[in-house]
Amino acid sequence: MRPKYYTPNEVAVHNTLKDIWVSFLGKVYDLTPLCEKYEGSILLKPVVASAGKDISHWFDKKTNDIRTHVDPATKCVFPYSPHGRFVHIPPPSPRTDWANDFGRPWWKDEGYCIGILSKKTRMVKVINTLTSQEQIIEVCSEETMDEILQRYLKWNEHAASYTWKYEGANLDMNQTLEENGISDEDEEFYKLSMNDDEYLRAIHLYFNDDLTEA
């Protein structure tokens, strides 16, 4: 099954105690169930403080595990948590209130993973030729046109009943923007100090007769 891609902005809006997403090492995690399980614990504070953010700096990219450091006093290796000890991080010394029977630590539990963080997002202008409505939406560069269509449904619930075209040619809905010949011009816009909203290449939607049900 193809993974779902998310933009950093989509992750950022999930930033409350009752709705917490984070991203790290290229993946997106919904930690809401974890916070519900450990509600009231002081060990949640670093997690809650990082809600909606990317916390890749917490981890060693080579091991995909929490970064470690050598304690100068004991010369022992401990997890490195400069923002404070958090859920599933052991204490630096034996304690009666610490139990390690929780199973896999949350950062290794793929049950919390809900998708992939886009490596590069793009702004796309979609023009409905039937209504002349224009909409600029942020999409993931890895997404197919079908997945972009799903994003566009919030503005047009009948979007699947249109033929999607670029420069007069039908788009392959199973391919990405780049694969369809719609190159990413963000870097050029930046170099030329151009407003990309004004000069975005547009995708045109042409209405078909077989209107689908909402």
C-alpha atoms as a PDB file:
ATOM      1  CA  MET A   1       0.000   0.000   0.000  1.00  0.00           C
ATOM      2  CA  ARG A   2       1.327   3.423  -0.983  1.00  0.00           C
ATOM      3  CA  PRO A   3       2.160   5.646   2.033  1.00  0.00           C
ATOM      4  CA  LYS A   4       0.448   8.976   2.592  1.00  0.00           C
ATOM      5  CA  TYR A   5       2.578  12.089   2.279  1.00  0.00           C
ATOM      6  CA  TYR A   6       2.255  15.149   4.499  1.00  0.00           C
ATOM      7  CA  THR A   7       3.563  18.701   4.284  1.00  0.00           C
ATOM      8  CA  PRO A   8       5.303  20.322   7.290  1.00  0.00           C
ATOM      9  CA  ASN A   9       2.358  22.728   7.500  1.00  0.00           C
ATOM     10  CA  GLU A  10      -0.051  19.816   7.875  1.00  0.00           C
ATOM     11  CA  VAL A  11       2.013  18.476  10.756  1.00  0.00           C
ATOM     12  CA  ALA A  12       2.271  21.905  12.381  1.00  0.00           C
ATOM     13  CA  VAL A  13      -1.492  22.318  12.921  1.00  0.00           C
ATOM     14  CA  HIS A  14      -1.602  19.246  15.178  1.00  0.00           C
ATOM     15  CA  ASN A  15      -0.066  20.981  18.164  1.00  0.00           C
ATOM     16  CA  THR A  16      -2.372  20.554  21.143  1.00  0.00           C
ATOM     17  CA  LEU A  17      -2.376  18.130  24.059  1.00  0.00           C
ATOM     18  CA  LYS A  18      -5.369  16.317  22.566  1.00  0.00           C
ATOM     19  CA  ASP A  19      -3.960  16.262  19.043  1.00  0.00           C
ATOM     20  CA  ILE A  20      -0.198  15.843  18.780  1.00  0.00           C
ATOM     21  CA  TRP A  21       1.764  15.076  15.637  1.00  0.00           C
ATOM     22  CA  VAL A  22       5.522  15.239  15.223  1.00  0.00           C
ATOM     23  CA  SER A  23       7.887  14.368  12.422  1.00  0.00           C
ATOM     24  CA  PHE A  24      11.352  12.870  12.597  1.00  0.00           C
ATOM     25  CA  LEU A  25      13.755  11.128  10.260  1.00  0.00           C
ATOM     26  CA  GLY A  26      11.409  11.615   7.314  1.00  0.00           C
ATOM     27  CA  LYS A  27       8.246  10.171   8.860  1.00  0.00           C
ATOM     28  CA  VAL A  28       5.139  11.608  10.524  1.00  0.00           C
ATOM     29  CA  TYR A  29       3.853  10.270  13.834  1.00  0.00           C
ATOM     30  CA  ASP A  30       0.541  10.780  15.610  1.00  0.00           C
ATOM     31  CA  LEU A  31       1.455  10.716  19.309  1.00  0.00           C
ATOM     32  CA  THR A  32      -2.055  11.520  20.555  1.00  0.00           C
ATOM     33  CA  PRO A  33      -2.596   7.933  21.845  1.00  0.00           C
ATOM     34  CA  LEU A  34       0.761   8.078  23.643  1.00  0.00           C
ATOM     35  CA  CYS A  35      -0.207  11.313  25.367  1.00  0.00           C
ATOM     36  CA  GLU A  36      -3.570   9.866  26.363  1.00  0.00           C
ATOM     37  CA  LYS A  37      -1.840   6.837  27.873  1.00  0.00           C
ATOM     38  CA  TYR A  38       0.614   8.927  29.905  1.00  0.00           C
ATOM     39  CA  GLU A  39      -1.720  11.841  30.639  1.00  0.00           C
ATOM     40  CA  GLY A  40      -0.535  13.843  33.614  1.00  0.00           C
ATOM     41  CA  SER A  41       3.031  12.531  33.513  1.00  0.00           C
ATOM     42  CA  ILE A  42       5.834  15.072  33.736  1.00  0.00           C
ATOM     43  CA  LEU A  43       7.640  12.979  31.121  1.00  0.00           C
ATOM     44  CA  LEU A  44       5.195  14.273  28.507  1.00  0.00           C
ATOM     45  CA  LYS A  45       6.417  17.857  28.762  1.00  0.00           C
ATOM     46  CA  PRO A  46       9.198  17.657  26.108  1.00  0.00           C
ATOM     47  CA  VAL A  47       6.833  15.851  23.735  1.00  0.00           C
ATOM     48  CA  VAL A  48       4.025  18.371  24.209  1.00  0.00           C
ATOM     49  CA  ALA A  49       6.480  21.255  23.819  1.00  0.00           C
ATOM     50  CA  SER A  50       7.487  19.818  20.427  1.00  0.00           C
ATOM     51  CA  ALA A  51       3.951  19.227  19.145  1.00  0.00           C
ATOM     52  CA  GLY A  52       3.660  19.975  15.433  1.00  0.00           C
ATOM     53  CA  LYS A  53       7.422  20.218  14.977  1.00  0.00           C
ATOM     54  CA  ASP A  54      10.212  18.155  13.470  1.00  0.00           C
ATOM     55  CA  ILE A  55      12.315  16.488  16.172  1.00  0.00           C
ATOM     56  CA  SER A  56      14.889  14.751  13.995  1.00  0.00           C
ATOM     57  CA  HIS A  57      17.624  16.381  16.084  1.00  0.00           C
ATOM     58  CA  TRP A  58      16.611  14.077  18.958  1.00  0.00           C
ATOM     59  CA  PHE A  59      17.838  11.062  16.997  1.00  0.00           C
ATOM     60  CA  ASP A  60      20.977   9.522  15.559  1.00  0.00           C
ATOM     61  CA  LYS A  61      20.403   9.162  11.818  1.00  0.00           C
ATOM     62  CA  LYS A  62      22.726   6.153  11.636  1.00  0.00           C
ATOM     63  CA  THR A  63      20.943   4.116  14.321  1.00  0.00           C
ATOM     64  CA  ASN A  64      17.442   5.653  14.114  1.00  0.00           C
ATOM     65  CA  ASP A  65      17.596   5.699  17.898  1.00  0.00           C
ATOM     66  CA  ILE A  66      17.804   8.412  20.541  1.00  0.00           C
ATOM     67  CA  ARG A  67      21.144  10.222  20.540  1.00  0.00           C
ATOM     68  CA  THR A  68      23.451   9.345  23.416  1.00  0.00           C
ATOM     69  CA  HIS A  69      26.198  11.004  25.423  1.00  0.00           C
ATOM     70  CA  VAL A  70      28.763   9.989  28.006  1.00  0.00           C
ATOM     71  CA  ASP A  71      27.965  11.214  31.502  1.00  0.00           C
ATOM     72  CA  PRO A  72      31.093  13.038  32.743  1.00  0.00           C
ATOM     73  CA  ALA A  73      30.559  11.855  36.324  1.00  0.00           C
ATOM     74  CA  THR A  74      29.830   8.167  35.798  1.00  0.00           C
ATOM     75  CA  LYS A  75      31.472   7.732  32.370  1.00  0.00           C
ATOM     76  CA  CYS A  76      28.357   5.766  31.383  1.00  0.00           C
ATOM     77  CA  VAL A  77      26.451   6.192  28.121  1.00  0.00           C
ATOM     78  CA  PHE A  78      22.978   7.704  28.564  1.00  0.00           C
ATOM     79  CA  PRO A  79      20.262   8.923  26.188  1.00  0.00           C
ATOM     80  CA  TYR A  80      20.818  12.565  25.283  1.00  0.00           C
ATOM     81  CA  SER A  81      17.719  14.603  26.083  1.00  0.00           C
ATOM     82  CA  PRO A  82      18.725  18.257  26.600  1.00  0.00           C
ATOM     83  CA  HIS A  83      15.058  19.319  26.652  1.00  0.00           C
ATOM     84  CA  GLY A  84      14.358  17.013  29.578  1.00  0.00           C
ATOM     85  CA  ARG A  85      13.790  13.313  30.046  1.00  0.00           C
ATOM     86  CA  PHE A  86      10.691  12.108  28.233  1.00  0.00           C
ATOM     87  CA  VAL A  87       8.447   9.052  27.950  1.00  0.00           C
ATOM     88  CA  HIS A  88      10.367   5.738  27.627  1.00  0.00           C
ATOM     89  CA  ILE A  89      13.729   7.350  28.439  1.00  0.00           C
ATOM     90  CA  PRO A  90      15.199   5.561  31.493  1.00  0.00           C
ATOM     91  CA  PRO A  91      16.360   7.563  34.524  1.00  0.00           C
ATOM     92  CA  PRO A  92      20.108   8.023  35.012  1.00  0.00           C
ATOM     93  CA  SER A  93      20.026   5.811  38.123  1.00  0.00           C
ATOM     94  CA  PRO A  94      17.768   3.023  39.487  1.00  0.00           C
ATOM     95  CA  ARG A  95      14.364   4.227  40.672  1.00  0.00           C
ATOM     96  CA  THR A  96      11.347   2.454  42.117  1.00  0.00           C
ATOM     97  CA  ASP A  97       8.923   4.414  39.927  1.00  0.00           C
ATOM     98  CA  TRP A  98      10.535   3.298  36.657  1.00  0.00           C
ATOM     99  CA  ALA A  99       9.131   0.313  34.787  1.00  0.00           C
ATOM    100  CA  ASN A 100      10.593  -0.920  31.526  1.00  0.00           C
ATOM    101  CA  ASP A 101       7.751  -3.282  30.599  1.00  0.00           C
ATOM    102  CA  PHE A 102       6.196  -0.849  28.128  1.00  0.00           C
ATOM    103  CA  GLY A 103       7.462  -2.833  25.126  1.00  0.00           C
ATOM    104  CA  ARG A 104       8.934  -0.916  22.205  1.00  0.00           C
ATOM    105  CA  PRO A 105       9.734   2.761  22.889  1.00  0.00           C
ATOM    106  CA  TRP A 106       7.375   5.059  21.019  1.00  0.00           C
ATOM    107  CA  TRP A 107      10.003   6.247  18.525  1.00  0.00           C
ATOM    108  CA  LYS A 108      10.492   2.635  17.380  1.00  0.00           C
ATOM    109  CA  ASP A 109       6.791   1.782  17.330  1.00  0.00           C
ATOM    110  CA  GLU A 110       5.552   2.053  13.739  1.00  0.00           C
ATOM    111  CA  GLY A 111       2.009   1.915  15.086  1.00  0.00           C
ATOM    112  CA  TYR A 112       2.299   5.650  15.686  1.00  0.00           C
ATOM    113  CA  CYS A 113       3.584   6.318  12.159  1.00  0.00           C
ATOM    114  CA  ILE A 114       0.880   7.706   9.874  1.00  0.00           C
ATOM    115  CA  GLY A 115       2.899   8.627   6.803  1.00  0.00           C
ATOM    116  CA  ILE A 116       5.903  10.236   5.171  1.00  0.00           C
ATOM    117  CA  LEU A 117       7.070  13.836   5.522  1.00  0.00           C
ATOM    118  CA  SER A 118       7.481  15.390   2.090  1.00  0.00           C
ATOM    119  CA  LYS A 119      11.067  16.195   1.187  1.00  0.00           C
ATOM    120  CA  LYS A 120       9.854  19.090  -0.967  1.00  0.00           C
ATOM    121  CA  THR A 121       6.454  20.720  -1.214  1.00  0.00           C
ATOM    122  CA  ARG A 122       5.143  22.676  -4.175  1.00  0.00           C
ATOM    123  CA  MET A 123       2.470  25.271  -4.790  1.00  0.00           C
ATOM    124  CA  VAL A 124       0.073  24.390  -7.593  1.00  0.00           C
ATOM    125  CA  LYS A 125      -2.510  26.586  -9.304  1.00  0.00           C
ATOM    126  CA  VAL A 126      -5.681  24.764 -10.333  1.00  0.00           C
ATOM    127  CA  ILE A 127      -8.181  26.507 -12.617  1.00  0.00           C
ATOM    128  CA  ASN A 128     -11.709  25.211 -13.074  1.00  0.00           C
ATOM    129  CA  THR A 129     -12.584  26.215 -16.650  1.00  0.00           C
ATOM    130  CA  LEU A 130     -16.297  25.690 -15.980  1.00  0.00           C
ATOM    131  CA  THR A 131     -16.527  28.176 -13.113  1.00  0.00           C
ATOM    132  CA  SER A 132     -13.276  30.144 -13.689  1.00  0.00           C
ATOM    133  CA  GLN A 133     -12.408  29.440 -10.047  1.00  0.00           C
ATOM    134  CA  GLU A 134      -8.677  29.534  -9.292  1.00  0.00           C
ATOM    135  CA  GLN A 135      -7.144  27.817  -6.301  1.00  0.00           C
ATOM    136  CA  ILE A 136      -3.497  27.640  -5.207  1.00  0.00           C
ATOM    137  CA  ILE A 137      -2.772  24.624  -3.044  1.00  0.00           C
ATOM    138  CA  GLU A 138       0.330  23.226  -1.378  1.00  0.00           C
ATOM    139  CA  VAL A 139       1.109  19.641  -2.383  1.00  0.00           C
ATOM    140  CA  CYS A 140       3.887  17.135  -1.838  1.00  0.00           C
ATOM    141  CA  SER A 141       6.245  16.699  -4.775  1.00  0.00           C
ATOM    142  CA  GLU A 142       6.038  12.915  -4.268  1.00  0.00           C
ATOM    143  CA  GLU A 143       2.251  12.831  -4.737  1.00  0.00           C
ATOM    144  CA  THR A 144       0.544  11.571  -7.868  1.00  0.00           C
ATOM    145  CA  MET A 145      -2.086  13.681  -9.612  1.00  0.00           C
ATOM    146  CA  ASP A 146      -4.759  11.411  -8.112  1.00  0.00           C
ATOM    147  CA  GLU A 147      -3.463  12.266  -4.637  1.00  0.00           C
ATOM    148  CA  ILE A 148      -3.417  15.963  -5.529  1.00  0.00           C
ATOM    149  CA  LEU A 149      -7.000  15.562  -6.720  1.00  0.00           C
ATOM    150  CA  GLN A 150      -7.901  14.258  -3.247  1.00  0.00           C
ATOM    151  CA  ARG A 151      -6.481  17.440  -1.739  1.00  0.00           C
ATOM    152  CA  TYR A 152      -8.517  19.542  -4.166  1.00  0.00           C
ATOM    153  CA  LEU A 153     -11.825  17.894  -3.201  1.00  0.00           C
ATOM    154  CA  LYS A 154     -12.312  20.390  -0.359  1.00  0.00           C
ATOM    155  CA  TRP A 155     -12.849  23.083  -2.999  1.00  0.00           C
ATOM    156  CA  ASN A 156     -14.622  20.939  -5.576  1.00  0.00           C
ATOM    157  CA  GLU A 157     -16.193  17.665  -4.453  1.00  0.00           C
ATOM    158  CA  HIS A 158     -16.764  16.690  -8.094  1.00  0.00           C
ATOM    159  CA  ALA A 159     -13.105  17.108  -9.098  1.00  0.00           C
ATOM    160  CA  ALA A 160     -12.939  13.496 -10.313  1.00  0.00           C
ATOM    161  CA  SER A 161     -15.537  14.386 -12.952  1.00  0.00           C
ATOM    162  CA  TYR A 162     -13.123  16.736 -14.680  1.00  0.00           C
ATOM    163  CA  THR A 163     -10.322  16.062 -17.119  1.00  0.00           C
ATOM    164  CA  TRP A 164      -7.084  17.456 -15.733  1.00  0.00           C
ATOM    165  CA  LYS A 165      -4.847  19.075 -18.340  1.00  0.00           C
ATOM    166  CA  TYR A 166      -1.577  20.951 -18.542  1.00  0.00           C
ATOM    167  CA  GLU A 167      -0.782  23.036 -21.634  1.00  0.00           C
ATOM    168  CA  GLY A 168      -3.607  21.308 -23.466  1.00  0.00           C
ATOM    169  CA  ALA A 169      -2.439  17.738 -22.784  1.00  0.00           C
ATOM    170  CA  ASN A 170      -4.233  15.269 -20.530  1.00  0.00           C
ATOM    171  CA  LEU A 171      -2.349  14.547 -17.325  1.00  0.00           C
ATOM    172  CA  ASP A 172      -1.534  11.012 -16.264  1.00  0.00           C
ATOM    173  CA  MET A 173      -3.259  10.851 -12.892  1.00  0.00           C
ATOM    174  CA  ASN A 174      -0.983   8.014 -11.756  1.00  0.00           C
ATOM    175  CA  GLN A 175       2.128  10.139 -12.170  1.00  0.00           C
ATOM    176  CA  THR A 176       3.609  13.050 -10.231  1.00  0.00           C
ATOM    177  CA  LEU A 177       3.775  16.651 -11.389  1.00  0.00           C
ATOM    178  CA  GLU A 178       7.407  16.210 -12.434  1.00  0.00           C
ATOM    179  CA  GLU A 179       6.634  12.984 -14.294  1.00  0.00           C
ATOM    180  CA  ASN A 180       3.891  14.854 -16.135  1.00  0.00           C
ATOM    181  CA  GLY A 181       6.386  17.479 -17.288  1.00  0.00           C
ATOM    182  CA  ILE A 182       5.372  20.153 -14.775  1.00  0.00           C
ATOM    183  CA  SER A 183       8.783  21.101 -13.441  1.00  0.00           C
ATOM    184  CA  ASP A 184       9.394  22.743 -10.078  1.00  0.00           C
ATOM    185  CA  GLU A 185      10.387  26.384 -10.648  1.00  0.00           C
ATOM    186  CA  ASP A 186      10.670  27.455  -7.001  1.00  0.00           C
ATOM    187  CA  GLU A 187      14.432  27.960  -7.232  1.00  0.00           C
ATOM    188  CA  GLU A 188      14.127  30.077 -10.378  1.00  0.00           C
ATOM    189  CA  PHE A 189      11.384  32.204  -8.803  1.00  0.00           C
ATOM    190  CA  TYR A 190      13.589  32.760  -5.765  1.00  0.00           C
ATOM    191  CA  LYS A 191      16.650  33.741  -7.812  1.00  0.00           C
ATOM    192  CA  LEU A 192      14.620  36.205  -9.871  1.00  0.00           C
ATOM    193  CA  SER A 193      12.670  37.535  -6.830  1.00  0.00           C
ATOM    194  CA  MET A 194       9.446  36.668  -8.620  1.00  0.00           C
ATOM    195  CA  ASN A 195       6.084  36.195  -6.951  1.00  0.00           C
ATOM    196  CA  ASP A 196       5.468  32.512  -7.581  1.00  0.00           C
ATOM    197  CA  ASP A 197       1.709  32.901  -6.990  1.00  0.00           C
ATOM    198  CA  GLU A 198       1.513  35.143 -10.069  1.00  0.00           C
ATOM    199  CA  TYR A 199       3.704  33.079 -12.368  1.00  0.00           C
ATOM    200  CA  LEU A 200       2.759  29.527 -11.364  1.00  0.00           C
ATOM    201  CA  ARG A 201       1.993  27.311 -14.322  1.00  0.00           C
ATOM    202  CA  ALA A 202      -1.664  26.379 -14.166  1.00  0.00           C
ATOM    203  CA  ILE A 203      -3.445  23.037 -14.316  1.00  0.00           C
ATOM    204  CA  HIS A 204      -6.796  23.372 -16.086  1.00  0.00           C
ATOM    205  CA  LEU A 205      -9.854  21.290 -15.229  1.00  0.00           C
ATOM    206  CA  TYR A 206     -12.358  20.573 -18.016  1.00  0.00           C
ATOM    207  CA  PHE A 207     -15.815  19.404 -16.992  1.00  0.00           C
ATOM    208  CA  ASN A 208     -17.020  15.989 -18.147  1.00  0.00           C
ATOM    209  CA  ASP A 209     -20.696  15.120 -18.651  1.00  0.00           C
ATOM    210  CA  ASP A 210     -20.653  12.106 -16.309  1.00  0.00           C
ATOM    211  CA  LEU A 211     -20.951  13.993 -13.012  1.00  0.00           C
ATOM    212  CA  THR A 212     -19.940  11.735 -10.123  1.00  0.00           C
ATOM    213  CA  GLU A 213     -21.802  11.650  -6.857  1.00  0.00           C
ATOM    214  CA  ALA A 214     -20.373  13.661  -3.992  1.00  0.00           C
END
